[in-house]
Amino acid sequence: MIINIFSHDRGAGCNRHDKDNFSPLLIAASNGHAATIKTLLAKGANLYDTDKNDKTALFWAAEEDNVEAIMVREGQL
């Protein structure tokens, strides 16, 4: 779903942000969607993006105990 909404093919770009400065990568990380994270990173998502509170995808993955998402971010999956 995230990829469909923000699909690069649709012109929106994988680094687009919502009103809270959440990008698709931040949303995927906060929800533990490891496969989506891998896809977004492959499409050029900014790994260092932050939300309006300066929280990164790694922060969100850790905050939500999404170990698989952290492993993707660290290149272990």
PDB file of N, CA and C in Angstrom:
ATOM      1  N   MET A   1       0.818  -1.187   0.000  1.00  0.00           N
ATOM      2  CA  MET A   1       0.000   0.000   0.000  1.00  0.00           C
ATOM      3  C   MET A   1       0.865   1.255   0.000  1.00  0.00           C
ATOM      4  N   ILE A   2       1.859   1.317   0.846  1.00  0.00           N
ATOM      5  CA  ILE A   2       2.725   2.496   0.896  1.00  0.00           C
ATOM      6  C   ILE A   2       3.370   2.724  -0.455  1.00  0.00           C
ATOM      7  N   ILE A   3       3.842   1.644  -1.060  1.00  0.00           N
ATOM      8  CA  ILE A   3       4.512   1.788  -2.344  1.00  0.00           C
ATOM      9  C   ILE A   3       3.546   2.289  -3.399  1.00  0.00           C
ATOM     10  N   ASN A   4       2.292   1.813  -3.383  1.00  0.00           N
ATOM     11  CA  ASN A   4       1.310   2.288  -4.353  1.00  0.00           C
ATOM     12  C   ASN A   4       1.025   3.772  -4.181  1.00  0.00           C
ATOM     13  N   ILE A   5       0.919   4.236  -2.956  1.00  0.00           N
ATOM     14  CA  ILE A   5       0.611   5.640  -2.701  1.00  0.00           C
ATOM     15  C   ILE A   5       1.750   6.545  -3.129  1.00  0.00           C
ATOM     16  N   PHE A   6       2.973   6.132  -2.835  1.00  0.00           N
ATOM     17  CA  PHE A   6       4.124   6.983  -3.086  1.00  0.00           C
ATOM     18  C   PHE A   6       4.995   6.477  -4.231  1.00  0.00           C
ATOM     19  N   SER A   7       4.443   5.649  -5.086  1.00  0.00           N
ATOM     20  CA  SER A   7       5.225   5.018  -6.135  1.00  0.00           C
ATOM     21  C   SER A   7       5.963   6.026  -6.998  1.00  0.00           C
ATOM     22  N   HIS A   8       7.237   5.746  -7.209  1.00  0.00           N
ATOM     23  CA  HIS A   8       8.055   6.599  -8.067  1.00  0.00           C
ATOM     24  C   HIS A   8       7.489   6.600  -9.488  1.00  0.00           C
ATOM     25  N   ASP A   9       6.932   5.462  -9.890  1.00  0.00           N
ATOM     26  CA  ASP A   9       6.365   5.345 -11.226  1.00  0.00           C
ATOM     27  C   ASP A   9       5.165   6.257 -11.413  1.00  0.00           C
ATOM     28  N   ARG A  10       4.495   6.610 -10.342  1.00  0.00           N
ATOM     29  CA  ARG A  10       3.334   7.496 -10.424  1.00  0.00           C
ATOM     30  C   ARG A  10       3.734   8.966 -10.311  1.00  0.00           C
ATOM     31  N   GLY A  11       5.028   9.227 -10.177  1.00  0.00           N
ATOM     32  CA  GLY A  11       5.495  10.594 -10.143  1.00  0.00           C
ATOM     33  C   GLY A  11       5.568  11.210  -8.756  1.00  0.00           C
ATOM     34  N   ALA A  12       5.132  10.488  -7.745  1.00  0.00           N
ATOM     35  CA  ALA A  12       5.136  11.055  -6.400  1.00  0.00           C
ATOM     36  C   ALA A  12       6.523  10.996  -5.778  1.00  0.00           C
ATOM     37  N   GLY A  13       7.284   9.982  -6.072  1.00  0.00           N
ATOM     38  CA  GLY A  13       8.625   9.842  -5.526  1.00  0.00           C
ATOM     39  C   GLY A  13       8.637   9.185  -4.158  1.00  0.00           C
ATOM     40  N   CYS A  14       9.661   8.410  -3.933  1.00  0.00           N
ATOM     41  CA  CYS A  14       9.734   7.667  -2.672  1.00  0.00           C
ATOM     42  C   CYS A  14      10.240   8.531  -1.526  1.00  0.00           C
ATOM     43  N   ASN A  15      10.579   9.778  -1.793  1.00  0.00           N
ATOM     44  CA  ASN A  15      11.030  10.678  -0.726  1.00  0.00           C
ATOM     45  C   ASN A  15      10.011  11.774  -0.420  1.00  0.00           C
ATOM     46  N   ARG A  16       8.819  11.603  -0.896  1.00  0.00           N
ATOM     47  CA  ARG A  16       7.734  12.558  -0.620  1.00  0.00           C
ATOM     48  C   ARG A  16       7.349  12.497   0.860  1.00  0.00           C
ATOM     49  N   HIS A  17       6.853  13.593   1.410  1.00  0.00           N
ATOM     50  CA  HIS A  17       6.490  13.653   2.829  1.00  0.00           C
ATOM     51  C   HIS A  17       5.042  14.073   3.021  1.00  0.00           C
ATOM     52  N   ASP A  18       4.440  13.574   4.112  1.00  0.00           N
ATOM     53  CA  ASP A  18       3.087  13.997   4.453  1.00  0.00           C
ATOM     54  C   ASP A  18       3.159  15.210   5.387  1.00  0.00           C
ATOM     55  N   LYS A  19       2.044  15.582   5.962  1.00  0.00           N
ATOM     56  CA  LYS A  19       1.980  16.789   6.802  1.00  0.00           C
ATOM     57  C   LYS A  19       2.837  16.698   8.060  1.00  0.00           C
ATOM     58  N   ASP A  20       3.150  15.482   8.502  1.00  0.00           N
ATOM     59  CA  ASP A  20       4.000  15.280   9.680  1.00  0.00           C
ATOM     60  C   ASP A  20       5.440  14.981   9.287  1.00  0.00           C
ATOM     61  N   ASN A  21       5.748  15.204   8.019  1.00  0.00           N
ATOM     62  CA  ASN A  21       7.071  14.984   7.432  1.00  0.00           C
ATOM     63  C   ASN A  21       7.454  13.504   7.396  1.00  0.00           C
ATOM     64  N   PHE A  22       6.454  12.630   7.389  1.00  0.00           N
ATOM     65  CA  PHE A  22       6.713  11.199   7.252  1.00  0.00           C
ATOM     66  C   PHE A  22       6.862  10.848   5.779  1.00  0.00           C
ATOM     67  N   SER A  23       7.939  10.156   5.473  1.00  0.00           N
ATOM     68  CA  SER A  23       8.152   9.628   4.126  1.00  0.00           C
ATOM     69  C   SER A  23       7.687   8.171   4.118  1.00  0.00           C
ATOM     70  N   PRO A  24       7.576   7.564   2.945  1.00  0.00           N
ATOM     71  CA  PRO A  24       7.211   6.151   2.904  1.00  0.00           C
ATOM     72  C   PRO A  24       8.171   5.272   3.705  1.00  0.00           C
ATOM     73  N   LEU A  25       9.462   5.614   3.702  1.00  0.00           N
ATOM     74  CA  LEU A  25      10.435   4.833   4.464  1.00  0.00           C
ATOM     75  C   LEU A  25      10.164   4.916   5.959  1.00  0.00           C
ATOM     76  N   LEU A  26       9.849   6.085   6.460  1.00  0.00           N
ATOM     77  CA  LEU A  26       9.546   6.238   7.882  1.00  0.00           C
ATOM     78  C   LEU A  26       8.283   5.462   8.258  1.00  0.00           C
ATOM     79  N   ILE A  27       7.301   5.487   7.400  1.00  0.00           N
ATOM     80  CA  ILE A  27       6.063   4.751   7.652  1.00  0.00           C
ATOM     81  C   ILE A  27       6.337   3.247   7.665  1.00  0.00           C
ATOM     82  N   ALA A  28       7.089   2.786   6.681  1.00  0.00           N
ATOM     83  CA  ALA A  28       7.411   1.362   6.613  1.00  0.00           C
ATOM     84  C   ALA A  28       8.215   0.918   7.833  1.00  0.00           C
ATOM     85  N   ALA A  29       9.172   1.718   8.242  1.00  0.00           N
ATOM     86  CA  ALA A  29      10.009   1.367   9.401  1.00  0.00           C
ATOM     87  C   ALA A  29       9.189   1.333  10.683  1.00  0.00           C
ATOM     88  N   SER A  30       8.298   2.282  10.833  1.00  0.00           N
ATOM     89  CA  SER A  30       7.508   2.336  12.070  1.00  0.00           C
ATOM     90  C   SER A  30       6.498   1.206  12.153  1.00  0.00           C
ATOM     91  N   ASN A  31       6.186   0.609  10.992  1.00  0.00           N
ATOM     92  CA  ASN A  31       5.228  -0.497  10.974  1.00  0.00           C
ATOM     93  C   ASN A  31       5.883  -1.856  10.742  1.00  0.00           C
ATOM     94  N   GLY A  32       7.199  -1.885  10.676  1.00  0.00           N
ATOM     95  CA  GLY A  32       7.918  -3.151  10.551  1.00  0.00           C
ATOM     96  C   GLY A  32       7.809  -3.844   9.218  1.00  0.00           C
ATOM     97  N   HIS A  33       7.628  -3.100   8.155  1.00  0.00           N
ATOM     98  CA  HIS A  33       7.488  -3.686   6.821  1.00  0.00           C
ATOM     99  C   HIS A  33       8.850  -3.802   6.143  1.00  0.00           C
ATOM    100  N   ALA A  34       9.581  -4.857   6.491  1.00  0.00           N
ATOM    101  CA  ALA A  34      10.951  -5.040   6.015  1.00  0.00           C
ATOM    102  C   ALA A  34      11.037  -5.103   4.490  1.00  0.00           C
ATOM    103  N   ALA A  35      10.142  -5.823   3.853  1.00  0.00           N
ATOM    104  CA  ALA A  35      10.182  -5.935   2.391  1.00  0.00           C
ATOM    105  C   ALA A  35       9.961  -4.579   1.736  1.00  0.00           C
ATOM    106  N   THR A  36       9.073  -3.784   2.302  1.00  0.00           N
ATOM    107  CA  THR A  36       8.812  -2.442   1.771  1.00  0.00           C
ATOM    108  C   THR A  36      10.028  -1.554   1.960  1.00  0.00           C
ATOM    109  N   ILE A  37      10.691  -1.676   3.102  1.00  0.00           N
ATOM    110  CA  ILE A  37      11.905  -0.897   3.355  1.00  0.00           C
ATOM    111  C   ILE A  37      12.960  -1.227   2.300  1.00  0.00           C
ATOM    112  N   LYS A  38      13.153  -2.512   2.037  1.00  0.00           N
ATOM    113  CA  LYS A  38      14.136  -2.923   1.026  1.00  0.00           C
ATOM    114  C   LYS A  38      13.796  -2.336  -0.340  1.00  0.00           C
ATOM    115  N   THR A  39      12.529  -2.393  -0.699  1.00  0.00           N
ATOM    116  CA  THR A  39      12.102  -1.864  -1.995  1.00  0.00           C
ATOM    117  C   THR A  39      12.326  -0.359  -2.071  1.00  0.00           C
ATOM    118  N   LEU A  40      11.938   0.356  -1.033  1.00  0.00           N
ATOM    119  CA  LEU A  40      12.100   1.813  -1.021  1.00  0.00           C
ATOM    120  C   LEU A  40      13.569   2.213  -1.079  1.00  0.00           C
ATOM    121  N   LEU A  41      14.410   1.520  -0.344  1.00  0.00           N
ATOM    122  CA  LEU A  41      15.848   1.825  -0.389  1.00  0.00           C
ATOM    123  C   LEU A  41      16.413   1.558  -1.778  1.00  0.00           C
ATOM    124  N   ALA A  42      15.957   0.482  -2.411  1.00  0.00           N
ATOM    125  CA  ALA A  42      16.404   0.169  -3.772  1.00  0.00           C
ATOM    126  C   ALA A  42      15.956   1.234  -4.770  1.00  0.00           C
ATOM    127  N   LYS A  43      14.813   1.879  -4.486  1.00  0.00           N
ATOM    128  CA  LYS A  43      14.295   2.929  -5.363  1.00  0.00           C
ATOM    129  C   LYS A  43      14.877   4.306  -5.038  1.00  0.00           C
ATOM    130  N   GLY A  44      15.777   4.358  -4.042  1.00  0.00           N
ATOM    131  CA  GLY A  44      16.451   5.614  -3.749  1.00  0.00           C
ATOM    132  C   GLY A  44      15.908   6.400  -2.574  1.00  0.00           C
ATOM    133  N   ALA A  45      15.146   5.754  -1.702  1.00  0.00           N
ATOM    134  CA  ALA A  45      14.637   6.453  -0.522  1.00  0.00           C
ATOM    135  C   ALA A  45      15.810   6.955   0.326  1.00  0.00           C
ATOM    136  N   ASN A  46      15.642   8.121   0.909  1.00  0.00           N
ATOM    137  CA  ASN A  46      16.681   8.732   1.737  1.00  0.00           C
ATOM    138  C   ASN A  46      16.724   8.060   3.101  1.00  0.00           C
ATOM    139  N   LEU A  47      17.780   7.323   3.357  1.00  0.00           N
ATOM    140  CA  LEU A  47      17.951   6.589   4.608  1.00  0.00           C
ATOM    141  C   LEU A  47      18.014   7.519   5.816  1.00  0.00           C
ATOM    142  N   TYR A  48      18.428   8.751   5.604  1.00  0.00           N
ATOM    143  CA  TYR A  48      18.620   9.694   6.707  1.00  0.00           C
ATOM    144  C   TYR A  48      17.466  10.673   6.874  1.00  0.00           C
ATOM    145  N   ASP A  49      16.365  10.422   6.184  1.00  0.00           N
ATOM    146  CA  ASP A  49      15.158  11.250   6.317  1.00  0.00           C
ATOM    147  C   ASP A  49      14.692  11.282   7.763  1.00  0.00           C
ATOM    148  N   THR A  50      14.094  12.387   8.166  1.00  0.00           N
ATOM    149  CA  THR A  50      13.531  12.497   9.510  1.00  0.00           C
ATOM    150  C   THR A  50      12.110  13.032   9.449  1.00  0.00           C
ATOM    151  N   ASP A  51      11.342  12.726  10.479  1.00  0.00           N
ATOM    152  CA  ASP A  51       9.989  13.267  10.583  1.00  0.00           C
ATOM    153  C   ASP A  51      10.054  14.667  11.198  1.00  0.00           C
ATOM    154  N   LYS A  52       8.921  15.233  11.545  1.00  0.00           N
ATOM    155  CA  LYS A  52       8.896  16.592  12.083  1.00  0.00           C
ATOM    156  C   LYS A  52       9.570  16.706  13.444  1.00  0.00           C
ATOM    157  N   ASN A  53       9.817  15.565  14.091  1.00  0.00           N
ATOM    158  CA  ASN A  53      10.504  15.545  15.392  1.00  0.00           C
ATOM    159  C   ASN A  53      11.934  15.038  15.269  1.00  0.00           C
ATOM    160  N   ASP A  54      12.458  15.046  14.048  1.00  0.00           N
ATOM    161  CA  ASP A  54      13.828  14.615  13.748  1.00  0.00           C
ATOM    162  C   ASP A  54      14.097  13.145  14.074  1.00  0.00           C
ATOM    163  N   LYS A  55      13.083  12.308  13.984  1.00  0.00           N
ATOM    164  CA  LYS A  55      13.245  10.868  14.211  1.00  0.00           C
ATOM    165  C   LYS A  55      13.456  10.171  12.864  1.00  0.00           C
ATOM    166  N   THR A  56      14.457   9.307  12.817  1.00  0.00           N
ATOM    167  CA  THR A  56      14.799   8.592  11.588  1.00  0.00           C
ATOM    168  C   THR A  56      14.049   7.263  11.484  1.00  0.00           C
ATOM    169  N   ALA A  57      14.205   6.606  10.347  1.00  0.00           N
ATOM    170  CA  ALA A  57      13.613   5.271  10.157  1.00  0.00           C
ATOM    171  C   ALA A  57      14.193   4.289  11.161  1.00  0.00           C
ATOM    172  N   LEU A  58      15.487   4.393  11.442  1.00  0.00           N
ATOM    173  CA  LEU A  58      16.101   3.505  12.431  1.00  0.00           C
ATOM    174  C   LEU A  58      15.491   3.733  13.807  1.00  0.00           C
ATOM    175  N   PHE A  59      15.269   4.986  14.173  1.00  0.00           N
ATOM    176  CA  PHE A  59      14.629   5.276  15.455  1.00  0.00           C
ATOM    177  C   PHE A  59      13.260   4.616  15.521  1.00  0.00           C
ATOM    178  N   TRP A  60      12.451   4.820  14.469  1.00  0.00           N
ATOM    179  CA  TRP A  60      11.093   4.274  14.481  1.00  0.00           C
ATOM    180  C   TRP A  60      11.095   2.757  14.540  1.00  0.00           C
ATOM    181  N   ALA A  61      11.994   2.129  13.796  1.00  0.00           N
ATOM    182  CA  ALA A  61      12.070   0.664  13.826  1.00  0.00           C
ATOM    183  C   ALA A  61      12.427   0.181  15.230  1.00  0.00           C
ATOM    184  N   ALA A  62      13.379   0.837  15.881  1.00  0.00           N
ATOM    185  CA  ALA A  62      13.773   0.457  17.238  1.00  0.00           C
ATOM    186  C   ALA A  62      12.661   0.750  18.235  1.00  0.00           C
ATOM    187  N   GLU A  63      12.023   1.897  18.098  1.00  0.00           N
ATOM    188  CA  GLU A  63      10.942   2.304  19.004  1.00  0.00           C
ATOM    189  C   GLU A  63       9.806   1.286  19.007  1.00  0.00           C
ATOM    190  N   GLU A  64       9.535   0.731  17.837  1.00  0.00           N
ATOM    191  CA  GLU A  64       8.434  -0.219  17.693  1.00  0.00           C
ATOM    192  C   GLU A  64       8.908  -1.674  17.796  1.00  0.00           C
ATOM    193  N   ASP A  65      10.163  -1.884  18.202  1.00  0.00           N
ATOM    194  CA  ASP A  65      10.744  -3.228  18.318  1.00  0.00           C
ATOM    195  C   ASP A  65      10.643  -4.034  17.025  1.00  0.00           C
ATOM    196  N   ASN A  66      10.871  -3.373  15.914  1.00  0.00           N
ATOM    197  CA  ASN A  66      10.824  -4.024  14.611  1.00  0.00           C
ATOM    198  C   ASN A  66      12.229  -4.472  14.223  1.00  0.00           C
ATOM    199  N   VAL A  67      12.654  -5.587  14.796  1.00  0.00           N
ATOM    200  CA  VAL A  67      14.010  -6.085  14.607  1.00  0.00           C
ATOM    201  C   VAL A  67      14.300  -6.350  13.137  1.00  0.00           C
ATOM    202  N   GLU A  68      13.347  -6.932  12.431  1.00  0.00           N
ATOM    203  CA  GLU A  68      13.561  -7.234  11.020  1.00  0.00           C
ATOM    204  C   GLU A  68      13.799  -5.948  10.231  1.00  0.00           C
ATOM    205  N   ALA A  69      13.064  -4.887  10.537  1.00  0.00           N
ATOM    206  CA  ALA A  69      13.250  -3.604   9.864  1.00  0.00           C
ATOM    207  C   ALA A  69      14.632  -3.029  10.163  1.00  0.00           C
ATOM    208  N   ILE A  70      15.096  -3.194  11.388  1.00  0.00           N
ATOM    209  CA  ILE A  70      16.432  -2.713  11.751  1.00  0.00           C
ATOM    210  C   ILE A  70      17.488  -3.501  10.984  1.00  0.00           C
ATOM    211  N   MET A  71      17.283  -4.804  10.859  1.00  0.00           N
ATOM    212  CA  MET A  71      18.245  -5.634  10.144  1.00  0.00           C
ATOM    213  C   MET A  71      18.322  -5.250   8.676  1.00  0.00           C
ATOM    214  N   VAL A  72      17.206  -4.893   8.067  1.00  0.00           N
ATOM    215  CA  VAL A  72      17.209  -4.435   6.673  1.00  0.00           C
ATOM    216  C   VAL A  72      18.024  -3.160   6.582  1.00  0.00           C
ATOM    217  N   ARG A  73      17.781  -2.257   7.478  1.00  0.00           N
ATOM    218  CA  ARG A  73      18.470  -0.972   7.491  1.00  0.00           C
ATOM    219  C   ARG A  73      19.977  -1.176   7.643  1.00  0.00           C
ATOM    220  N   GLU A  74      20.370  -2.153   8.432  1.00  0.00           N
ATOM    221  CA  GLU A  74      21.775  -2.426   8.673  1.00  0.00           C
ATOM    222  C   GLU A  74      22.390  -3.346   7.615  1.00  0.00           C
ATOM    223  N   GLY A  75      21.589  -3.702   6.597  1.00  0.00           N
ATOM    224  CA  GLY A  75      22.077  -4.542   5.511  1.00  0.00           C
ATOM    225  C   GLY A  75      22.232  -6.006   5.852  1.00  0.00           C
ATOM    226  N   GLN A  76      21.557  -6.454   6.892  1.00  0.00           N
ATOM    227  CA  GLN A  76      21.680  -7.835   7.321  1.00  0.00           C
ATOM    228  C   GLN A  76      20.579  -8.724   6.777  1.00  0.00           C
ATOM    229  N   LEU A  77      19.637  -8.177   6.047  1.00  0.00           N
ATOM    230  CA  LEU A  77      18.585  -8.985   5.422  1.00  0.00           C
ATOM    231  C   LEU A  77      18.566  -8.759   3.938  1.00  0.00           C
TER     232      LEU A  77
END
